[in-house]
């Protein structure tokens, strides 16, 4: 993988995660009429995150089964599910927002620390 592709993938990946997290927090306060638009935006961001993540995994690590990558996949799945929960479980907004912060923090920590 050339450096330009790698940089572009990293940029798209990080922007996708930022959009997912931002719209997840927005979903906790938004009206129910905005649900369809927010779910579409987070769905597109989720797709971008998974596609760029898989390409970087293939290009940089040749699909090597690294533990920190699996932790990131679990964090991605959890973050993807939280937007829908934000509209359905308004009474648990505090716990779900904390979960969003924990998942994004763990995912970022896995990238920089690569503990296993």
C-alpha atoms as a PDB file:
ATOM      1  CA  UNK A   1       0.000   0.000   0.000  1.00  0.00           C
ATOM      2  CA  UNK A   2       1.478   3.343  -0.970  1.00  0.00           C
ATOM      3  CA  UNK A   3       1.678   6.201   1.565  1.00  0.00           C
ATOM      4  CA  UNK A   4      -0.983   8.293  -0.208  1.00  0.00           C
ATOM      5  CA  UNK A   5      -3.547   5.521  -0.026  1.00  0.00           C
ATOM      6  CA  UNK A   6      -2.625   4.850   3.583  1.00  0.00           C
ATOM      7  CA  UNK A   7      -3.050   8.517   4.540  1.00  0.00           C
ATOM      8  CA  UNK A   8      -6.347   8.797   2.675  1.00  0.00           C
ATOM      9  CA  UNK A   9      -7.680   5.663   4.358  1.00  0.00           C
ATOM     10  CA  UNK A  10      -6.631   6.908   7.791  1.00  0.00           C
ATOM     11  CA  UNK A  11      -8.295  10.264   7.191  1.00  0.00           C
ATOM     12  CA  UNK A  12     -11.572   8.747   5.987  1.00  0.00           C
ATOM     13  CA  UNK A  13     -11.508   6.204   8.828  1.00  0.00           C
ATOM     14  CA  UNK A  14     -11.021   8.830  11.543  1.00  0.00           C
ATOM     15  CA  UNK A  15     -13.603  11.179  10.020  1.00  0.00           C
ATOM     16  CA  UNK A  16     -16.091   8.303   9.871  1.00  0.00           C
ATOM     17  CA  UNK A  17     -15.551   7.529  13.543  1.00  0.00           C
ATOM     18  CA  UNK A  18     -15.934  11.201  14.458  1.00  0.00           C
ATOM     19  CA  UNK A  19     -19.200  11.417  12.516  1.00  0.00           C
ATOM     20  CA  UNK A  20     -20.462   8.222  14.157  1.00  0.00           C
ATOM     21  CA  UNK A  21     -19.661   9.480  17.661  1.00  0.00           C
ATOM     22  CA  UNK A  22     -20.985  13.002  17.015  1.00  0.00           C
ATOM     23  CA  UNK A  23     -24.289  11.837  15.570  1.00  0.00           C
ATOM     24  CA  UNK A  24     -24.664   9.273  18.330  1.00  0.00           C
ATOM     25  CA  UNK A  25     -24.480  12.081  20.881  1.00  0.00           C
ATOM     26  CA  UNK A  26     -26.823  14.155  18.731  1.00  0.00           C
ATOM     27  CA  UNK A  27     -29.325  11.286  18.723  1.00  0.00           C
ATOM     28  CA  UNK A  28     -29.624  11.463  22.504  1.00  0.00           C
ATOM     29  CA  UNK A  29     -31.005  15.010  22.307  1.00  0.00           C
ATOM     30  CA  UNK A  30     -32.630  15.107  18.862  1.00  0.00           C
ATOM     31  CA  UNK A  31     -36.319  14.906  18.179  1.00  0.00           C
ATOM     32  CA  UNK A  32     -37.798  11.660  16.938  1.00  0.00           C
ATOM     33  CA  UNK A  33     -38.447  13.242  13.525  1.00  0.00           C
ATOM     34  CA  UNK A  34     -34.699  13.366  12.888  1.00  0.00           C
ATOM     35  CA  UNK A  35     -34.282   9.609  13.399  1.00  0.00           C
ATOM     36  CA  UNK A  36     -34.295   8.605   9.724  1.00  0.00           C
ATOM     37  CA  UNK A  37     -31.705  11.207   8.686  1.00  0.00           C
ATOM     38  CA  UNK A  38     -29.424  10.497  11.651  1.00  0.00           C
ATOM     39  CA  UNK A  39     -29.608   6.746  11.084  1.00  0.00           C
ATOM     40  CA  UNK A  40     -28.730   7.237   7.400  1.00  0.00           C
ATOM     41  CA  UNK A  41     -25.719   9.408   8.229  1.00  0.00           C
ATOM     42  CA  UNK A  42     -24.403   7.042  10.890  1.00  0.00           C
ATOM     43  CA  UNK A  43     -25.013   4.082   8.596  1.00  0.00           C
ATOM     44  CA  UNK A  44     -22.900   5.640   5.856  1.00  0.00           C
ATOM     45  CA  UNK A  45     -20.205   6.558   8.384  1.00  0.00           C
ATOM     46  CA  UNK A  46     -20.253   3.004   9.741  1.00  0.00           C
ATOM     47  CA  UNK A  47     -19.821   1.615   6.248  1.00  0.00           C
ATOM     48  CA  UNK A  48     -16.884   3.940   5.606  1.00  0.00           C
ATOM     49  CA  UNK A  49     -15.256   2.926   8.888  1.00  0.00           C
ATOM     50  CA  UNK A  50     -15.555  -0.795   8.236  1.00  0.00           C
ATOM     51  CA  UNK A  51     -14.416  -0.608   4.616  1.00  0.00           C
ATOM     52  CA  UNK A  52     -11.401   1.571   5.325  1.00  0.00           C
ATOM     53  CA  UNK A  53     -10.556  -0.464   8.406  1.00  0.00           C
ATOM     54  CA  UNK A  54     -10.598  -3.745   6.497  1.00  0.00           C
ATOM     55  CA  UNK A  55      -8.461  -2.263   3.690  1.00  0.00           C
ATOM     56  CA  UNK A  56      -5.893  -0.953   6.177  1.00  0.00           C
ATOM     57  CA  UNK A  57      -5.894  -4.309   7.976  1.00  0.00           C
ATOM     58  CA  UNK A  58      -5.235  -6.043   4.657  1.00  0.00           C
ATOM     59  CA  UNK A  59      -2.662  -3.555   3.420  1.00  0.00           C
ATOM     60  CA  UNK A  60      -0.680  -3.055   6.605  1.00  0.00           C
ATOM     61  CA  UNK A  61      -1.033  -6.392   8.412  1.00  0.00           C
ATOM     62  CA  UNK A  62      -2.076  -8.897   5.694  1.00  0.00           C
ATOM     63  CA  UNK A  63      -5.139  -9.926   7.732  1.00  0.00           C
ATOM     64  CA  UNK A  64      -2.928 -11.061  10.607  1.00  0.00           C
ATOM     65  CA  UNK A  65      -5.122 -11.985  13.585  1.00  0.00           C
ATOM     66  CA  UNK A  66      -4.039  -9.298  16.041  1.00  0.00           C
ATOM     67  CA  UNK A  67      -5.949  -8.983  19.299  1.00  0.00           C
ATOM     68  CA  UNK A  68      -6.166  -5.214  19.275  1.00  0.00           C
ATOM     69  CA  UNK A  69      -7.884  -5.288  15.876  1.00  0.00           C
ATOM     70  CA  UNK A  70     -10.590  -7.571  17.257  1.00  0.00           C
ATOM     71  CA  UNK A  71     -11.115  -5.185  20.163  1.00  0.00           C
ATOM     72  CA  UNK A  72     -11.543  -2.353  17.659  1.00  0.00           C
ATOM     73  CA  UNK A  73     -14.095  -4.398  15.702  1.00  0.00           C
ATOM     74  CA  UNK A  74     -16.107  -4.984  18.888  1.00  0.00           C
ATOM     75  CA  UNK A  75     -15.928  -1.252  19.683  1.00  0.00           C
ATOM     76  CA  UNK A  76     -17.101  -0.440  16.156  1.00  0.00           C
ATOM     77  CA  UNK A  77     -20.061  -2.819  16.446  1.00  0.00           C
ATOM     78  CA  UNK A  78     -21.025  -1.343  19.804  1.00  0.00           C
ATOM     79  CA  UNK A  79     -20.768   2.228  18.587  1.00  0.00           C
ATOM     80  CA  UNK A  80     -22.811   1.360  15.500  1.00  0.00           C
ATOM     81  CA  UNK A  81     -25.591  -0.041  17.665  1.00  0.00           C
ATOM     82  CA  UNK A  82     -25.715   2.868  20.098  1.00  0.00           C
ATOM     83  CA  UNK A  83     -27.340   5.368  17.721  1.00  0.00           C
ATOM     84  CA  UNK A  84     -30.447   3.250  17.360  1.00  0.00           C
ATOM     85  CA  UNK A  85     -30.537   2.682  21.104  1.00  0.00           C
ATOM     86  CA  UNK A  86     -30.320   6.433  21.704  1.00  0.00           C
ATOM     87  CA  UNK A  87     -33.745   6.926  20.155  1.00  0.00           C
ATOM     88  CA  UNK A  88     -35.349   3.925  21.877  1.00  0.00           C
ATOM     89  CA  UNK A  89     -33.858   4.171  25.361  1.00  0.00           C
ATOM     90  CA  UNK A  90     -34.080   7.878  26.206  1.00  0.00           C
ATOM     91  CA  UNK A  91     -34.269   7.130  29.933  1.00  0.00           C
ATOM     92  CA  UNK A  92     -30.814   5.494  29.823  1.00  0.00           C
ATOM     93  CA  UNK A  93     -29.100   8.337  27.971  1.00  0.00           C
ATOM     94  CA  UNK A  94     -26.437   8.865  30.628  1.00  0.00           C
ATOM     95  CA  UNK A  95     -25.300   5.254  30.613  1.00  0.00           C
ATOM     96  CA  UNK A  96     -25.356   5.051  26.827  1.00  0.00           C
ATOM     97  CA  UNK A  97     -23.358   8.273  26.456  1.00  0.00           C
ATOM     98  CA  UNK A  98     -20.772   6.927  28.900  1.00  0.00           C
ATOM     99  CA  UNK A  99     -20.665   3.717  26.879  1.00  0.00           C
ATOM    100  CA  UNK A 100     -20.056   5.756  23.715  1.00  0.00           C
ATOM    101  CA  UNK A 101     -17.142   7.532  25.372  1.00  0.00           C
ATOM    102  CA  UNK A 102     -15.688   4.275  26.676  1.00  0.00           C
ATOM    103  CA  UNK A 103     -15.938   2.535  23.296  1.00  0.00           C
ATOM    104  CA  UNK A 104     -14.303   5.387  21.409  1.00  0.00           C
ATOM    105  CA  UNK A 105     -11.568   5.740  24.044  1.00  0.00           C
ATOM    106  CA  UNK A 106     -10.797   2.035  23.987  1.00  0.00           C
ATOM    107  CA  UNK A 107     -10.703   1.997  20.168  1.00  0.00           C
ATOM    108  CA  UNK A 108      -8.288   4.938  20.050  1.00  0.00           C
ATOM    109  CA  UNK A 109      -6.139   3.404  22.802  1.00  0.00           C
ATOM    110  CA  UNK A 110      -5.888   0.141  20.846  1.00  0.00           C
ATOM    111  CA  UNK A 111      -4.509   1.982  17.814  1.00  0.00           C
ATOM    112  CA  UNK A 112      -1.769   3.746  19.712  1.00  0.00           C
ATOM    113  CA  UNK A 113      -0.869   1.143  22.339  1.00  0.00           C
ATOM    114  CA  UNK A 114      -1.383  -2.110  20.381  1.00  0.00           C
ATOM    115  CA  UNK A 115      -1.147  -4.092  23.645  1.00  0.00           C
ATOM    116  CA  UNK A 116      -1.670  -7.535  22.105  1.00  0.00           C
END
